[in-house]
Protein backbone atom coordinates (compact mmCIF):
# COMPACT_ATOMS: atom_id res chain seq x y z
CA UNK A 1 123.31 83.67 97.70
CA UNK A 2 122.36 80.77 95.31
CA UNK A 3 119.93 77.95 96.23
CA UNK A 4 120.43 74.50 95.24
CA UNK A 5 117.82 71.83 95.31
CA UNK A 6 119.28 68.77 97.17
CA UNK A 7 116.36 66.11 96.92
CA UNK A 8 113.64 68.24 98.87
CA UNK A 9 116.36 69.97 100.76
CA UNK A 10 117.71 73.67 99.90
CA UNK A 11 121.00 73.88 100.02
CA UNK A 12 122.05 77.70 100.14
CA UNK A 13 125.49 78.85 99.31
CA UNK A 14 126.66 82.56 99.91
CA UNK A 15 129.64 84.77 98.82
CA UNK A 16 128.29 87.68 101.29
CA UNK A 17 130.84 88.29 104.04
CA UNK A 18 130.48 86.12 107.19
CA UNK A 19 128.85 87.72 110.35
CA UNK A 20 129.03 91.32 109.06
CA UNK A 21 127.17 92.65 111.84
CA UNK A 22 127.76 93.35 115.58
CA UNK A 23 125.27 92.60 118.13
CA UNK A 24 123.70 96.01 118.87
CA UNK A 25 121.89 96.28 122.31
CA UNK A 26 120.42 99.95 121.72
CA UNK A 27 116.46 99.08 121.07
CA UNK A 28 116.18 102.61 119.87
CA UNK A 29 117.83 101.68 116.58
CA UNK A 30 114.59 99.77 115.72
CA UNK A 31 112.05 101.78 117.31
CA UNK A 32 111.55 99.13 119.95
CA UNK A 33 109.83 99.87 123.66
CA UNK A 34 111.25 97.93 126.62
CA UNK A 35 108.37 96.67 128.68
CA UNK A 36 108.46 94.47 131.79
CA UNK A 37 105.58 91.78 131.44
CA UNK A 38 104.53 89.95 134.61
CA UNK A 39 103.83 86.44 134.11
CA UNK A 40 103.26 83.17 136.26
CA UNK A 41 107.22 82.35 136.13
CA UNK A 42 108.33 85.93 136.69
CA UNK A 43 108.85 89.33 135.38
CA UNK A 44 109.96 89.18 131.45
CA UNK A 45 111.63 91.77 129.78
CA UNK A 46 110.15 92.23 126.32
CA UNK A 47 111.41 94.58 123.30
CA UNK A 48 108.45 95.42 121.09
CA UNK A 49 107.19 97.79 118.24
CA UNK A 50 103.78 97.85 117.02
CA UNK A 51 102.96 97.25 113.43
CA UNK A 52 101.10 94.95 110.92
CA UNK A 53 102.33 91.09 110.43
CA UNK A 54 103.80 90.97 113.99
CA UNK A 55 106.89 88.76 114.34
CA UNK A 56 107.81 87.11 117.60
CA UNK A 57 111.67 86.38 118.03
CA UNK A 58 112.47 83.84 120.64
CA UNK A 59 116.13 83.17 121.44
CA UNK A 60 117.98 80.64 122.10
CA UNK A 61 120.59 78.98 124.85
CA UNK A 62 123.66 82.05 125.01
CA UNK A 63 120.92 84.29 123.62
CA UNK A 64 118.75 87.02 124.48
CA UNK A 65 116.84 89.95 122.56
CA UNK A 66 119.83 91.48 121.35
CA UNK A 67 121.17 88.24 119.73
CA UNK A 68 118.58 88.94 116.71
CA UNK A 69 120.05 92.46 116.26
CA UNK A 70 122.22 91.41 113.15
CA UNK A 71 118.95 89.77 111.43
CA UNK A 72 117.39 93.01 112.15
CA UNK A 73 120.27 94.95 110.38
CA UNK A 74 120.12 92.24 107.44
CA UNK A 75 116.27 93.00 107.14
CA UNK A 76 116.41 96.42 107.57
CA UNK A 77 114.97 96.22 110.62
CA UNK A 78 112.20 93.84 109.27
CA UNK A 79 110.99 97.37 107.62
CA UNK A 80 107.47 98.30 109.52
CA UNK A 81 106.57 94.93 110.97
CA UNK A 82 105.61 94.65 114.33
CA UNK A 83 108.01 93.10 116.26
CA UNK A 84 108.26 91.24 119.65
CA UNK A 85 111.46 90.22 121.34
CA UNK A 86 111.19 88.34 124.61
CA UNK A 87 114.09 87.50 127.17
CA UNK A 88 112.85 84.52 128.51
CA UNK A 89 112.80 84.51 132.41
CA UNK A 90 116.48 83.44 133.34
CA UNK A 91 117.85 84.78 130.29
CA UNK A 92 118.81 88.34 129.07
CA UNK A 93 117.69 91.01 131.42
CA UNK A 94 114.91 89.00 132.87
CA UNK A 95 115.40 87.73 136.32
CA UNK A 96 115.81 83.69 136.76
CA UNK A 97 112.76 82.05 137.90
CA UNK A 98 112.46 79.72 141.19
CA UNK A 99 113.30 76.78 139.08
CA UNK A 100 114.49 76.51 135.23
CA UNK A 101 112.00 77.10 132.49
CA UNK A 102 110.54 73.95 131.03
CA UNK A 103 109.17 74.01 127.37
CA UNK A 104 105.46 74.44 128.78
CA UNK A 105 106.62 77.26 131.20
CA UNK A 106 107.99 79.27 127.98
CA UNK A 107 105.15 78.86 126.23
CA UNK A 108 102.83 80.36 128.88
CA UNK A 109 105.29 83.10 129.14
CA UNK A 110 104.91 83.71 125.34
CA UNK A 111 101.30 83.62 125.39
CA UNK A 112 101.06 85.93 128.37
CA UNK A 113 103.34 88.33 126.42
CA UNK A 114 100.74 88.24 123.16
CA UNK A 115 97.95 88.86 125.33
CA UNK A 116 99.24 91.99 127.03
CA UNK A 117 100.19 93.27 123.67
CA UNK A 118 96.67 92.30 122.17
CA UNK A 119 98.36 90.42 119.53
CA UNK A 120 95.70 87.52 118.09
CA UNK A 121 98.54 85.93 115.71
CA UNK A 122 102.20 86.32 115.13
CA UNK A 123 104.71 84.61 112.69
CA UNK A 124 107.57 82.96 115.21
CA UNK A 125 111.19 82.49 114.60
CA UNK A 126 113.00 80.83 117.18
CA UNK A 127 116.64 79.90 117.30
CA UNK A 128 118.36 76.85 119.16
CA UNK A 129 116.14 76.23 122.10
CA UNK A 130 114.00 78.91 120.92
CA UNK A 131 113.17 77.01 117.96
CA UNK A 132 111.69 73.85 120.36
CA UNK A 133 109.66 76.47 122.08
CA UNK A 134 108.46 78.00 118.85
CA UNK A 135 107.02 74.11 117.61
CA UNK A 136 105.45 73.99 120.84
CA UNK A 137 103.74 77.32 120.91
CA UNK A 138 102.39 76.09 117.75
CA UNK A 139 101.06 72.85 119.12
CA UNK A 140 99.25 74.34 122.32
CA UNK A 141 98.10 77.49 120.48
CA UNK A 142 97.80 76.89 116.87
CA UNK A 143 95.21 79.76 116.24
CA UNK A 144 98.18 82.51 117.46
CA UNK A 145 100.85 80.79 115.34
CA UNK A 146 100.87 82.02 111.82
CA UNK A 147 104.03 80.34 110.47
CA UNK A 148 107.08 79.01 112.22
CA UNK A 149 111.00 79.44 111.61
CA UNK A 150 113.41 77.10 113.16
CA UNK A 151 117.06 78.81 112.69
CA UNK A 152 119.71 76.69 113.83
CA UNK A 153 116.99 74.62 115.93
CA UNK A 154 118.10 71.85 118.40
CA UNK A 155 115.42 69.44 117.56
CA UNK A 156 115.32 65.74 116.91
CA UNK A 157 119.10 64.94 117.54
CA UNK A 158 119.40 67.15 120.42
CA UNK A 159 116.27 65.65 122.35
CA UNK A 160 117.46 62.23 121.61
CA UNK A 161 121.09 62.71 123.05
CA UNK A 162 119.36 64.64 126.20
CA UNK A 163 117.44 61.16 126.74
CA UNK A 164 120.46 59.20 126.04
CA UNK A 165 123.57 60.87 127.18
CA UNK A 166 125.94 57.95 126.56
CA UNK A 167 124.73 57.79 122.91
CA UNK A 168 124.86 61.36 122.87
CA UNK A 169 128.70 61.52 123.26
CA UNK A 170 128.97 59.73 119.62
CA UNK A 171 126.10 61.48 118.15
CA UNK A 172 125.99 64.72 119.51
CA UNK A 173 129.49 65.36 121.42
CA UNK A 174 129.24 69.10 121.68
CA UNK A 175 126.07 69.39 123.27
CA UNK A 176 126.33 66.37 125.53
CA UNK A 177 129.78 67.15 126.97
CA UNK A 178 128.70 70.89 127.32
CA UNK A 179 125.78 69.69 129.13
CA UNK A 180 127.92 67.54 131.22
CA UNK A 181 130.43 70.27 132.15
CA UNK A 182 127.39 72.69 133.14
CA UNK A 183 125.95 70.09 135.35
CA UNK A 184 129.24 69.86 137.19
CA UNK A 185 130.38 73.17 137.10
CA UNK A 186 126.84 74.84 137.66
CA UNK A 187 126.96 78.75 138.21
CA UNK A 188 130.78 78.61 138.59
CA UNK A 189 130.80 78.20 134.63
CA UNK A 190 130.27 81.95 134.33
CA UNK A 191 133.11 83.50 136.28
CA UNK A 192 135.39 80.67 134.61
CA UNK A 193 134.12 81.81 131.00
CA UNK A 194 134.71 85.23 131.64
CA UNK A 195 138.18 84.60 133.24
CA UNK A 196 138.96 82.61 129.85
CA UNK A 197 137.46 85.65 128.12
CA UNK A 198 140.00 87.91 130.07
CA UNK A 199 142.90 85.48 129.18
CA UNK A 200 141.97 86.13 125.27
CA UNK A 201 141.18 82.19 125.02
CA UNK A 202 137.47 82.83 124.19
CA UNK A 203 137.73 82.37 120.52
CA UNK A 204 139.34 78.63 121.25
CA UNK A 205 136.00 77.98 123.60
CA UNK A 206 133.63 79.38 121.10
CA UNK A 207 135.24 77.73 117.97
CA UNK A 208 132.96 74.71 117.91
CA UNK A 209 129.90 76.97 117.75
CA UNK A 210 130.74 79.35 115.11
CA UNK A 211 132.33 78.39 111.88
CA UNK A 212 134.69 81.30 111.53
CA UNK A 213 135.05 82.38 115.16
CA UNK A 214 138.22 84.76 114.55
CA UNK A 215 135.94 86.74 111.93
CA UNK A 216 133.11 87.85 114.74
CA UNK A 217 132.89 91.04 115.95
CA UNK A 218 133.80 91.27 119.64
CA UNK A 219 130.43 92.30 120.54
CA UNK A 220 129.12 88.63 119.38
CA UNK A 221 131.49 87.02 121.46
CA UNK A 222 130.88 89.30 124.46
CA UNK A 223 127.18 88.64 123.97
CA UNK A 224 128.22 84.76 124.02
CA UNK A 225 130.00 85.05 127.25
CA UNK A 226 127.25 87.27 129.06
CA UNK A 227 124.16 85.16 128.00
CA UNK A 228 125.28 81.62 128.61
CA UNK A 229 123.23 80.61 131.84
CA UNK A 230 124.24 77.12 133.16
CA UNK A 231 120.96 76.40 135.17
CA UNK A 232 118.84 77.56 131.97
CA UNK A 233 120.66 75.30 129.57
CA UNK A 234 120.55 72.15 131.85
CA UNK A 235 117.11 72.79 132.54
CA UNK A 236 116.08 72.85 128.79
CA UNK A 237 118.14 69.63 128.17
CA UNK A 238 116.04 68.08 130.67
CA UNK A 239 113.00 69.40 129.15
CA UNK A 240 113.86 68.41 125.67
CA UNK A 241 114.63 64.88 127.06
CA UNK A 242 111.01 64.38 128.35
CA UNK A 243 109.20 66.13 125.21
CA UNK A 244 107.40 63.88 122.86
CA UNK A 245 108.06 65.39 119.47
CA UNK A 246 105.30 63.32 117.89
CA UNK A 247 103.20 66.20 119.00
CA UNK A 248 104.72 68.05 116.44
CA UNK A 249 102.78 66.17 113.77
CA UNK A 250 99.70 68.33 114.89
CA UNK A 251 101.19 71.37 113.64
CA UNK A 252 99.35 72.72 110.19
CA UNK A 253 101.20 75.98 109.63
CA UNK A 254 103.94 76.60 107.40
CA UNK A 255 107.24 75.72 108.83
CA UNK A 256 110.53 76.47 107.69
CA UNK A 257 113.70 75.02 108.93
CA UNK A 258 117.14 76.39 108.38
CA UNK A 259 120.32 74.55 109.67
CA UNK A 260 124.05 75.13 109.28
CA UNK A 261 126.16 72.70 107.71
CA UNK A 262 128.70 72.76 110.23
CA UNK A 263 126.24 73.07 113.41
CA UNK A 264 127.77 70.83 116.23
CA UNK A 265 124.44 71.37 118.39
CA UNK A 266 122.15 69.65 115.74
CA UNK A 267 122.72 67.31 112.88
CA UNK A 268 122.19 68.23 109.09
CA UNK A 269 119.93 64.64 109.44
CA UNK A 270 117.67 66.58 111.48
CA UNK A 271 116.28 68.02 108.30
CA UNK A 272 115.11 64.78 107.12
CA UNK A 273 113.61 63.83 110.14
CA UNK A 274 111.37 66.70 110.44
CA UNK A 275 110.02 65.78 107.01
CA UNK A 276 108.82 62.83 108.50
CA UNK A 277 107.28 64.75 111.40
CA UNK A 278 106.06 67.64 109.16
CA UNK A 279 105.57 66.80 105.64
CA UNK A 280 104.71 70.43 104.77
CA UNK A 281 108.31 71.94 106.15
CA UNK A 282 110.67 73.44 103.98
CA UNK A 283 114.24 72.72 104.94
CA UNK A 284 117.22 74.68 104.16
CA UNK A 285 121.10 73.90 104.66
CA UNK A 286 123.45 76.81 104.65
CA UNK A 287 126.80 76.15 103.71
CA UNK A 288 129.72 77.67 105.82
CA UNK A 289 127.76 77.98 109.10
CA UNK A 290 127.59 76.64 112.42
CA UNK A 291 125.08 77.10 115.29
CA UNK A 292 123.82 80.90 114.83
CA UNK A 293 122.66 81.19 111.35
CA UNK A 294 121.00 84.57 111.88
CA UNK A 295 124.65 85.91 113.26
CA UNK A 296 126.70 84.20 110.72
CA UNK A 297 124.39 84.61 107.61
CA UNK A 298 121.90 86.97 108.51
CA UNK A 299 121.07 88.02 105.04
CA UNK A 300 120.67 84.61 103.71
CA UNK A 301 118.31 83.89 106.68
CA UNK A 302 116.17 87.19 106.19
CA UNK A 303 115.81 86.38 102.35
CA UNK A 304 114.81 82.43 103.26
CA UNK A 305 112.25 84.08 105.83
CA UNK A 306 110.96 86.71 103.37
CA UNK A 307 111.94 89.37 105.42
CA UNK A 308 113.73 91.32 102.39
């Protein structure tokens, strides 16, 4: 891996193998304990490990706690740090709530989880939608957040496309069209996607999301199919549409934003926009990378985050 300064943005190239690790849903590999935490919006499945400097990992859409396992493999299990990996209600193994989560609901779930395990403060890493949630946690509970890392975060361009879908067709077409399709098909999209997978056409459908979809381990695509939740996706889009991003100006902890150059659910210009909101932000652009930086280039992400 090598880093090149481009203005105030770091551009990271890598010669390491693309997506070298599978998604591994065995919690024992990282000495994780599975706990079901009661929250105000329903039971929440958490995989956790006690240890110093706890790290809270928040998945995105089409994700769960296990989506982080390629990063854990690259980071040697994050050594002996404490780990908290949450399946937000409606995602992973956590039952769906009565109504799709909005960003306030998600943050209430996270604070309940932190209270349950007696964690006063954590470093937070969020992917995609989880990056949005991580930032809001830093807004409403600043004393509990030591730092925030946004991995392939859906931030400024996504919020704008959610508010203005006609404009989004031009500025962020993949997100806008997927949102429209899931709004129309609803939960019927899940069996349709499984049928596409059985027909061997899933790489074609997933190709906009990953830079090199045919190099992925099958477990990555299987997780993508299992974790895509239409109600959760459309609910997250609605929440982003109504969110005031100026609230992020109050965040004073260190923030790192990592984006893939080929990400179709965000724009490279988001990194510049984040610097307008957060003068202290460190921005990193990964070459040869789509929307799942922690899966596509986990070693590079681990090094940027200081996990190795």
